């Protein structure tokens, strides 16, 4: 199955609580943190919630 590399590129300060919690759920804690996640609809939905804070690449 395909994988996605999700990298946080902007701070979550000043954003809504659900967006901060979504970053935490993805495993991102600070700027330039990267995680590799399975390409599933749940993960795509989380990324769609915070597209302005993350960069997504297929691995």
N, C-alpha and C. Protein backbone atom coordinates (compact mmCIF):
# COMPACT_ATOMS: atom_id res chain seq x y z
N UNK A 1 0.84 -1.18 0.00
CA UNK A 1 0.00 0.00 0.00
C UNK A 1 0.89 1.25 0.00
N UNK A 2 0.44 2.30 -0.62
CA UNK A 2 1.21 3.54 -0.70
C UNK A 2 1.33 4.20 0.67
N UNK A 3 2.37 5.00 0.78
CA UNK A 3 2.58 5.72 2.02
C UNK A 3 2.72 7.20 1.73
N UNK A 4 2.38 8.01 2.73
CA UNK A 4 2.48 9.46 2.62
C UNK A 4 3.48 9.97 3.64
N UNK A 5 4.34 10.87 3.21
CA UNK A 5 5.23 11.56 4.14
C UNK A 5 4.60 12.92 4.41
N UNK A 6 4.23 13.16 5.66
CA UNK A 6 3.57 14.40 6.05
C UNK A 6 4.56 15.21 6.88
N UNK A 7 4.81 16.45 6.46
CA UNK A 7 5.76 17.32 7.14
C UNK A 7 5.04 18.59 7.56
N UNK A 8 5.21 18.96 8.83
CA UNK A 8 4.62 20.21 9.31
C UNK A 8 5.50 21.36 8.86
N UNK A 9 4.90 22.35 8.18
CA UNK A 9 5.69 23.47 7.65
C UNK A 9 5.36 24.80 8.33
N UNK A 10 4.24 24.84 9.06
CA UNK A 10 3.87 26.07 9.77
C UNK A 10 3.44 25.73 11.18
N UNK A 11 3.49 26.73 12.04
CA UNK A 11 3.13 26.55 13.44
C UNK A 11 1.61 26.44 13.59
N UNK A 12 1.20 25.72 14.63
CA UNK A 12 -0.23 25.58 14.90
C UNK A 12 -0.74 26.68 15.84
N UNK A 13 0.15 27.54 16.30
CA UNK A 13 -0.25 28.63 17.20
C UNK A 13 -1.22 29.54 16.46
N UNK A 14 -2.30 29.89 17.11
CA UNK A 14 -3.29 30.79 16.52
C UNK A 14 -4.32 30.10 15.66
N UNK A 15 -4.23 28.78 15.52
CA UNK A 15 -5.21 28.04 14.75
C UNK A 15 -6.25 27.44 15.68
N UNK A 16 -7.31 26.91 15.09
CA UNK A 16 -8.39 26.34 15.88
C UNK A 16 -7.92 25.09 16.61
N UNK A 17 -8.61 24.78 17.71
CA UNK A 17 -8.24 23.65 18.54
C UNK A 17 -8.27 22.34 17.77
N UNK A 18 -9.29 22.16 16.91
CA UNK A 18 -9.37 20.90 16.17
C UNK A 18 -8.20 20.74 15.20
N UNK A 19 -7.66 21.84 14.69
CA UNK A 19 -6.51 21.76 13.80
C UNK A 19 -5.25 21.39 14.58
N UNK A 20 -5.09 21.95 15.78
CA UNK A 20 -3.95 21.57 16.63
C UNK A 20 -4.03 20.10 17.00
N UNK A 21 -5.23 19.63 17.33
CA UNK A 21 -5.40 18.23 17.71
C UNK A 21 -5.18 17.30 16.52
N UNK A 22 -5.53 17.75 15.33
CA UNK A 22 -5.30 16.95 14.14
C UNK A 22 -3.80 16.76 13.89
N UNK A 23 -3.02 17.82 14.07
CA UNK A 23 -1.57 17.69 13.92
C UNK A 23 -1.02 16.69 14.93
N UNK A 24 -1.50 16.74 16.16
CA UNK A 24 -1.06 15.79 17.19
C UNK A 24 -1.43 14.37 16.80
N UNK A 25 -2.64 14.19 16.27
CA UNK A 25 -3.10 12.86 15.87
C UNK A 25 -2.25 12.29 14.73
N UNK A 26 -1.75 13.18 13.89
CA UNK A 26 -0.87 12.74 12.81
C UNK A 26 0.53 12.41 13.33
N UNK A 27 0.85 12.84 14.54
CA UNK A 27 2.16 12.58 15.12
C UNK A 27 3.13 13.72 14.95
N UNK A 28 2.63 14.90 14.63
CA UNK A 28 3.48 16.07 14.41
C UNK A 28 3.46 16.96 15.65
N UNK A 29 4.65 17.35 16.11
CA UNK A 29 4.74 18.14 17.33
C UNK A 29 5.33 19.52 17.10
N UNK A 30 6.22 19.63 16.11
CA UNK A 30 6.86 20.93 15.87
C UNK A 30 7.14 21.11 14.38
N UNK A 31 7.52 22.32 14.02
CA UNK A 31 7.80 22.63 12.62
C UNK A 31 8.96 21.76 12.13
N UNK A 32 8.85 21.26 10.92
CA UNK A 32 9.82 20.41 10.24
C UNK A 32 9.81 18.97 10.75
N UNK A 33 8.87 18.62 11.61
CA UNK A 33 8.68 17.21 11.97
C UNK A 33 8.06 16.50 10.78
N UNK A 34 8.47 15.26 10.54
CA UNK A 34 7.92 14.46 9.45
C UNK A 34 7.50 13.11 9.99
N UNK A 35 6.41 12.59 9.45
CA UNK A 35 5.96 11.24 9.78
C UNK A 35 5.55 10.57 8.48
N UNK A 36 5.68 9.25 8.46
CA UNK A 36 5.23 8.46 7.32
C UNK A 36 4.00 7.70 7.75
N UNK A 37 2.90 7.91 7.04
CA UNK A 37 1.62 7.30 7.35
C UNK A 37 1.15 6.49 6.14
N UNK A 38 0.33 5.49 6.40
CA UNK A 38 -0.30 4.74 5.31
C UNK A 38 -1.28 5.66 4.59
N UNK A 39 -1.41 5.48 3.29
CA UNK A 39 -2.34 6.29 2.49
C UNK A 39 -3.74 5.70 2.62
N UNK A 40 -4.44 6.15 3.66
CA UNK A 40 -5.80 5.69 3.93
C UNK A 40 -6.74 6.89 3.93
N UNK A 41 -8.03 6.66 3.76
CA UNK A 41 -8.98 7.77 3.75
C UNK A 41 -8.96 8.59 5.05
N UNK A 42 -8.72 7.93 6.19
CA UNK A 42 -8.69 8.64 7.47
C UNK A 42 -7.54 9.65 7.50
N UNK A 43 -6.39 9.22 7.02
CA UNK A 43 -5.21 10.09 7.01
C UNK A 43 -5.41 11.22 6.01
N UNK A 44 -5.97 10.90 4.83
CA UNK A 44 -6.25 11.95 3.84
C UNK A 44 -7.21 13.00 4.41
N UNK A 45 -8.19 12.56 5.20
CA UNK A 45 -9.13 13.48 5.83
C UNK A 45 -8.44 14.40 6.82
N UNK A 46 -7.52 13.84 7.61
CA UNK A 46 -6.77 14.66 8.57
C UNK A 46 -5.93 15.70 7.84
N UNK A 47 -5.27 15.28 6.76
CA UNK A 47 -4.44 16.20 5.99
C UNK A 47 -5.31 17.29 5.35
N UNK A 48 -6.51 16.93 4.94
CA UNK A 48 -7.42 17.92 4.34
C UNK A 48 -7.88 18.96 5.36
N UNK A 49 -7.82 18.62 6.64
CA UNK A 49 -8.20 19.56 7.69
C UNK A 49 -7.14 20.64 7.88
N UNK A 50 -5.88 20.31 7.64
CA UNK A 50 -4.78 21.24 7.89
C UNK A 50 -3.85 21.40 6.67
N UNK A 51 -4.40 21.64 5.49
CA UNK A 51 -3.52 21.70 4.30
C UNK A 51 -2.57 22.89 4.32
N UNK A 52 -2.92 23.95 5.05
CA UNK A 52 -2.09 25.14 5.12
C UNK A 52 -0.94 24.99 6.11
N UNK A 53 -0.93 23.90 6.88
CA UNK A 53 0.11 23.68 7.88
C UNK A 53 1.07 22.56 7.53
N UNK A 54 0.73 21.75 6.53
CA UNK A 54 1.55 20.57 6.22
C UNK A 54 1.87 20.48 4.74
N UNK A 55 2.93 19.70 4.45
CA UNK A 55 3.28 19.36 3.08
C UNK A 55 3.20 17.85 2.98
N UNK A 56 2.62 17.34 1.90
CA UNK A 56 2.42 15.89 1.76
C UNK A 56 3.15 15.42 0.51
N UNK A 57 3.91 14.32 0.66
CA UNK A 57 4.61 13.70 -0.46
C UNK A 57 4.30 12.21 -0.43
N UNK A 58 4.21 11.61 -1.60
CA UNK A 58 4.05 10.16 -1.67
C UNK A 58 5.42 9.52 -1.60
N UNK A 59 5.53 8.45 -0.81
CA UNK A 59 6.81 7.76 -0.62
C UNK A 59 6.75 6.45 -1.36
